[in-house]
Amino acid sequence: MTIFSRRHLLQVLGLSGLGILSGGCGTSLFESNLGNAFEPLNQAVGSLMLDPHRLVPEFPLSAIQPDALIVNTYDVTPTIDPAAYRLTVNGLVDHPLRLSLADLKSLPFQSMVIRHVCVEGWAAIVQWGGVPLAHLIALAGPHPQARYAYFYSADGYYESWDLASACHPQTLMAYQKNQAPLTVDNGAPLRLASPIKLGYKQSKWVTRVTLTDHLAVTQGYWEDQGYEWFGGL
């Protein structure tokens, strides 16, 4: 019996990587329209294959590859005063949150050593530490109709996830990398980290998480240029 991985099955179905070009280039109008046409099915298949309770196997600390995590460079790296930083959690919630770094560090801490996988073909074993996103969402009290989480970053980057992936037990709002404070180039003061999503889904410099009941026309910085929306592993 042949066992297919999530990515293999999506490739067989023609739903994985529509419009993804090496090096993060843009897409043609045809590729963009094709990706948009398949996106509802792409979401359905990705969501069907996600087990929101299944843990991804982790690695020992000795397996960390400190030099393997490639830091992408951008025109703008935001300057954020850690003392003034606040994370907002709002949208379809009963109790909107506005948390300082001190607030976040007072919440339950979780550490994991997982494989970070980039769509460009490289991977690195990294330790991330921080607050489970599910804990923050639970504190905010999500409405029953909430289905998606949008993430907004200080540099203007934006991303969206299905709520089940956001609440996966290994999805963190991380402020630690390889047992040291997260650095600015890796997304400090706070970034997404999870073993169930490709790297472009894991936003850096996150300042706001907004729960919604629908996906907007803009779904994510790279998705709006042709990358697949679910971005799962």
Protein backbone atom coordinates (compact mmCIF):
# COMPACT_ATOMS: atom_id res chain seq x y z
CA MET A 1 0.00 0.00 0.00
CA THR A 2 1.41 3.42 -0.98
CA ILE A 3 1.22 6.11 1.68
CA PHE A 4 0.99 9.64 0.32
CA SER A 5 2.17 12.69 2.18
CA ARG A 6 -0.04 15.78 2.25
CA ARG A 7 2.24 17.54 -0.26
CA HIS A 8 2.39 14.51 -2.59
CA LEU A 9 -1.39 14.19 -2.61
CA LEU A 10 -1.86 17.88 -3.32
CA GLN A 11 0.63 17.61 -6.17
CA VAL A 12 -1.23 14.62 -7.61
CA LEU A 13 -4.47 16.58 -7.41
CA GLY A 14 -2.81 19.57 -9.05
CA LEU A 15 -3.53 21.78 -6.05
CA SER A 16 -0.07 22.35 -4.60
CA GLY A 17 2.17 25.20 -5.57
CA LEU A 18 -0.08 26.74 -8.21
CA GLY A 19 1.77 29.77 -9.46
CA ILE A 20 4.75 29.28 -7.15
CA LEU A 21 7.91 30.39 -8.90
CA SER A 22 11.43 29.81 -7.67
CA GLY A 23 12.99 32.79 -5.95
CA GLY A 24 9.65 34.27 -4.91
CA CYS A 25 8.88 35.93 -8.26
CA GLY A 26 5.43 37.19 -9.21
CA THR A 27 2.90 35.35 -11.37
CA SER A 28 1.28 36.00 -14.69
CA LEU A 29 -2.38 36.96 -14.94
CA PHE A 30 -3.17 33.47 -16.26
CA GLU A 31 -1.42 31.80 -13.33
CA SER A 32 -3.13 34.12 -10.86
CA ASN A 33 -6.58 33.45 -12.30
CA LEU A 34 -5.91 29.71 -12.39
CA GLY A 35 -4.83 29.76 -8.76
CA ASN A 36 -7.92 31.72 -7.77
CA ALA A 37 -10.17 29.26 -9.60
CA PHE A 38 -8.74 26.29 -7.67
CA GLU A 39 -8.40 28.01 -4.31
CA PRO A 40 -11.75 26.94 -2.74
CA LEU A 41 -10.94 23.30 -3.53
CA ASN A 42 -7.37 23.82 -2.36
CA GLN A 43 -8.69 25.07 0.99
CA ALA A 44 -11.13 22.19 1.29
CA VAL A 45 -8.51 19.52 0.61
CA GLY A 46 -5.96 21.14 2.93
CA SER A 47 -8.48 21.47 5.74
CA LEU A 48 -9.67 17.89 5.26
CA MET A 49 -6.13 16.57 5.59
CA LEU A 50 -5.31 18.62 8.70
CA ASP A 51 -5.67 16.77 11.98
CA PRO A 52 -5.90 19.67 14.45
CA HIS A 53 -4.82 17.41 17.32
CA ARG A 54 -2.00 15.42 15.71
CA LEU A 55 1.43 16.44 16.94
CA VAL A 56 4.31 16.68 14.49
CA PRO A 57 7.34 14.70 15.79
CA GLU A 58 9.95 16.97 17.33
CA PHE A 59 13.73 16.74 17.54
CA PRO A 60 16.21 16.80 20.44
CA LEU A 61 18.05 20.02 21.19
CA SER A 62 21.21 18.41 19.83
CA ALA A 63 19.63 18.34 16.34
CA ILE A 64 19.34 22.14 16.06
CA GLN A 65 21.00 23.53 12.93
CA PRO A 66 21.98 27.05 14.04
CA ASP A 67 23.31 28.18 10.67
CA ALA A 68 20.71 26.55 8.43
CA LEU A 69 17.85 29.01 8.94
CA ILE A 70 18.17 31.46 6.08
CA VAL A 71 17.14 35.01 6.91
CA ASN A 72 15.36 36.65 4.00
CA THR A 73 16.32 40.27 3.47
CA TYR A 74 13.75 42.93 2.63
CA ASP A 75 13.81 46.60 1.82
CA VAL A 76 12.24 47.42 5.19
CA THR A 77 13.07 45.87 8.55
CA PRO A 78 10.79 47.49 11.11
CA THR A 79 12.14 49.22 14.18
CA ILE A 80 10.05 48.20 17.17
CA ASP A 81 10.57 49.44 20.72
CA PRO A 82 10.14 46.29 22.86
CA ALA A 83 8.92 48.41 25.78
CA ALA A 84 6.18 50.00 23.68
CA TYR A 85 5.26 46.84 21.75
CA ARG A 86 1.72 45.51 22.04
CA LEU A 87 0.07 42.48 20.43
CA THR A 88 -3.59 43.04 19.61
CA VAL A 89 -6.03 40.12 19.30
CA ASN A 90 -9.39 41.31 18.00
CA GLY A 91 -12.15 40.71 15.47
CA LEU A 92 -14.77 38.08 16.26
CA VAL A 93 -13.86 37.75 19.94
CA ASP A 94 -15.62 38.52 23.20
CA HIS A 95 -12.57 39.93 24.97
CA PRO A 96 -10.13 41.79 22.69
CA LEU A 97 -6.55 41.63 23.95
CA ARG A 98 -3.72 44.13 23.92
CA LEU A 99 -0.66 42.48 25.41
CA SER A 100 2.84 43.75 26.16
CA LEU A 101 5.89 41.52 25.92
CA ALA A 102 5.82 41.23 29.70
CA ASP A 103 2.19 40.10 29.50
CA LEU A 104 3.07 37.50 26.87
CA LYS A 105 6.01 36.19 28.87
CA SER A 106 3.78 35.77 31.93
CA LEU A 107 1.57 33.33 29.99
CA PRO A 108 2.24 29.58 29.62
CA PHE A 109 5.54 29.01 27.83
CA GLN A 110 6.05 26.26 25.27
CA SER A 111 9.27 25.16 23.58
CA MET A 112 9.58 22.97 20.51
CA VAL A 113 12.38 21.81 18.20
CA ILE A 114 10.90 21.40 14.74
CA ARG A 115 11.79 21.50 11.09
CA HIS A 116 11.19 24.88 9.45
CA VAL A 117 10.52 24.30 5.74
CA CYS A 118 10.79 26.99 3.07
CA VAL A 119 8.89 26.83 -0.21
CA GLU A 120 12.19 27.59 -1.97
CA GLY A 121 13.43 24.09 -1.11
CA TRP A 122 15.56 24.45 2.02
CA ALA A 123 14.83 23.46 5.62
CA ALA A 124 16.34 23.94 9.07
CA ILE A 125 15.80 22.36 12.47
CA VAL A 126 15.07 25.18 14.89
CA GLN A 127 13.99 25.58 18.50
CA TRP A 128 11.17 28.06 18.97
CA GLY A 129 9.77 29.17 22.30
CA GLY A 130 6.74 31.27 23.12
CA VAL A 131 3.03 31.29 23.83
CA PRO A 132 0.69 28.79 22.16
CA LEU A 133 -1.54 30.81 19.86
CA ALA A 134 -4.47 28.63 20.92
CA HIS A 135 -4.05 29.97 24.45
CA LEU A 136 -4.24 33.59 23.27
CA ILE A 137 -7.31 32.86 21.13
CA ALA A 138 -8.99 31.11 24.06
CA LEU A 139 -8.29 34.12 26.30
CA ALA A 140 -9.91 36.37 23.71
CA GLY A 141 -13.03 34.18 23.55
CA PRO A 142 -13.59 33.46 19.84
CA HIS A 143 -17.12 33.70 18.47
CA PRO A 144 -18.59 30.44 17.11
CA GLN A 145 -18.58 31.82 13.56
CA ALA A 146 -14.85 32.63 13.59
CA ARG A 147 -13.12 30.52 10.93
CA TYR A 148 -9.95 32.38 9.98
CA ALA A 149 -7.13 34.32 11.62
CA TYR A 150 -5.44 37.24 9.89
CA PHE A 151 -1.94 38.23 10.97
CA TYR A 152 -0.65 41.77 10.46
CA SER A 153 3.00 42.71 10.83
CA ALA A 154 4.88 45.91 11.59
CA ASP A 155 6.50 45.90 8.13
CA GLY A 156 3.15 45.70 6.30
CA TYR A 157 3.25 41.93 5.73
CA TYR A 158 -0.10 40.18 6.12
CA GLU A 159 -1.15 36.55 6.23
CA SER A 160 -4.25 34.44 6.88
CA TRP A 161 -4.70 30.95 8.32
CA ASP A 162 -7.63 28.66 8.93
CA LEU A 163 -8.55 28.76 12.61
CA ALA A 164 -7.86 25.03 13.13
CA SER A 165 -4.23 25.51 12.04
CA ALA A 166 -3.91 28.64 14.19
CA CYS A 167 -5.12 26.64 17.19
CA HIS A 168 -2.91 23.62 16.51
CA PRO A 169 -1.02 22.76 19.73
CA GLN A 170 2.34 23.39 18.02
CA THR A 171 1.50 26.82 16.61
CA LEU A 172 3.30 29.43 18.68
CA MET A 173 3.67 33.16 18.93
CA ALA A 174 7.40 32.88 19.45
CA TYR A 175 9.78 35.26 21.20
CA GLN A 176 12.65 32.79 21.52
CA LYS A 177 14.83 31.03 18.93
CA ASN A 178 17.43 28.36 19.72
CA GLN A 179 17.05 29.09 23.45
CA ALA A 180 17.97 32.76 23.03
CA PRO A 181 15.83 35.88 22.67
CA LEU A 182 14.44 36.25 19.18
CA THR A 183 16.45 38.68 17.06
CA VAL A 184 14.99 41.41 14.88
CA ASP A 185 15.97 39.71 11.62
CA ASN A 186 14.10 36.61 12.75
CA GLY A 187 10.96 38.57 13.61
CA ALA A 188 11.41 40.02 17.10
CA PRO A 189 9.65 40.84 19.21
CA LEU A 190 7.06 38.24 18.14
CA ARG A 191 6.56 35.91 15.19
CA LEU A 192 4.52 32.90 14.12
CA ALA A 193 6.20 29.49 14.33
CA SER A 194 4.67 26.13 13.47
CA PRO A 195 5.73 22.78 11.98
CA ILE A 196 2.47 22.44 10.02
CA LYS A 197 2.95 25.40 7.66
CA LEU A 198 5.51 26.48 5.09
CA GLY A 199 7.80 29.37 5.96
CA TYR A 200 5.92 32.08 4.07
CA LYS A 201 2.89 31.45 6.30
CA GLN A 202 4.93 32.16 9.45
CA SER A 203 4.78 35.93 9.73
CA LYS A 204 7.48 37.94 11.48
CA TRP A 205 7.01 41.10 13.58
CA VAL A 206 3.34 40.29 14.27
CA THR A 207 1.42 43.14 15.88
CA ARG A 208 -2.20 42.06 15.36
CA VAL A 209 -4.25 38.87 15.08
CA THR A 210 -7.80 39.36 13.81
CA LEU A 211 -10.39 36.58 13.75
CA THR A 212 -12.94 36.65 10.92
CA ASP A 213 -15.70 34.49 9.46
CA HIS A 214 -14.47 34.80 5.87
CA LEU A 215 -11.39 35.31 3.73
CA ALA A 216 -11.06 38.77 2.28
CA VAL A 217 -9.97 39.50 -1.29
CA THR A 218 -6.45 39.93 0.11
CA GLN A 219 -5.46 36.60 1.66
CA GLY A 220 -1.73 36.97 2.21
CA TYR A 221 1.27 38.82 0.81
CA TRP A 222 2.57 35.89 -1.26
CA GLU A 223 -0.82 34.26 -1.79
CA ASP A 224 -2.00 37.41 -3.55
CA GLN A 225 0.91 36.86 -5.95
CA GLY A 226 0.01 33.24 -6.67
CA TYR A 227 1.23 31.09 -3.78
CA GLU A 228 -1.20 28.48 -2.49
CA TRP A 229 -3.28 29.67 0.43
CA PHE A 230 -3.29 26.68 2.79
CA GLY A 231 0.51 26.28 2.70
CA GLY A 232 0.44 23.13 4.84
CA LEU A 233 2.98 20.36 5.35
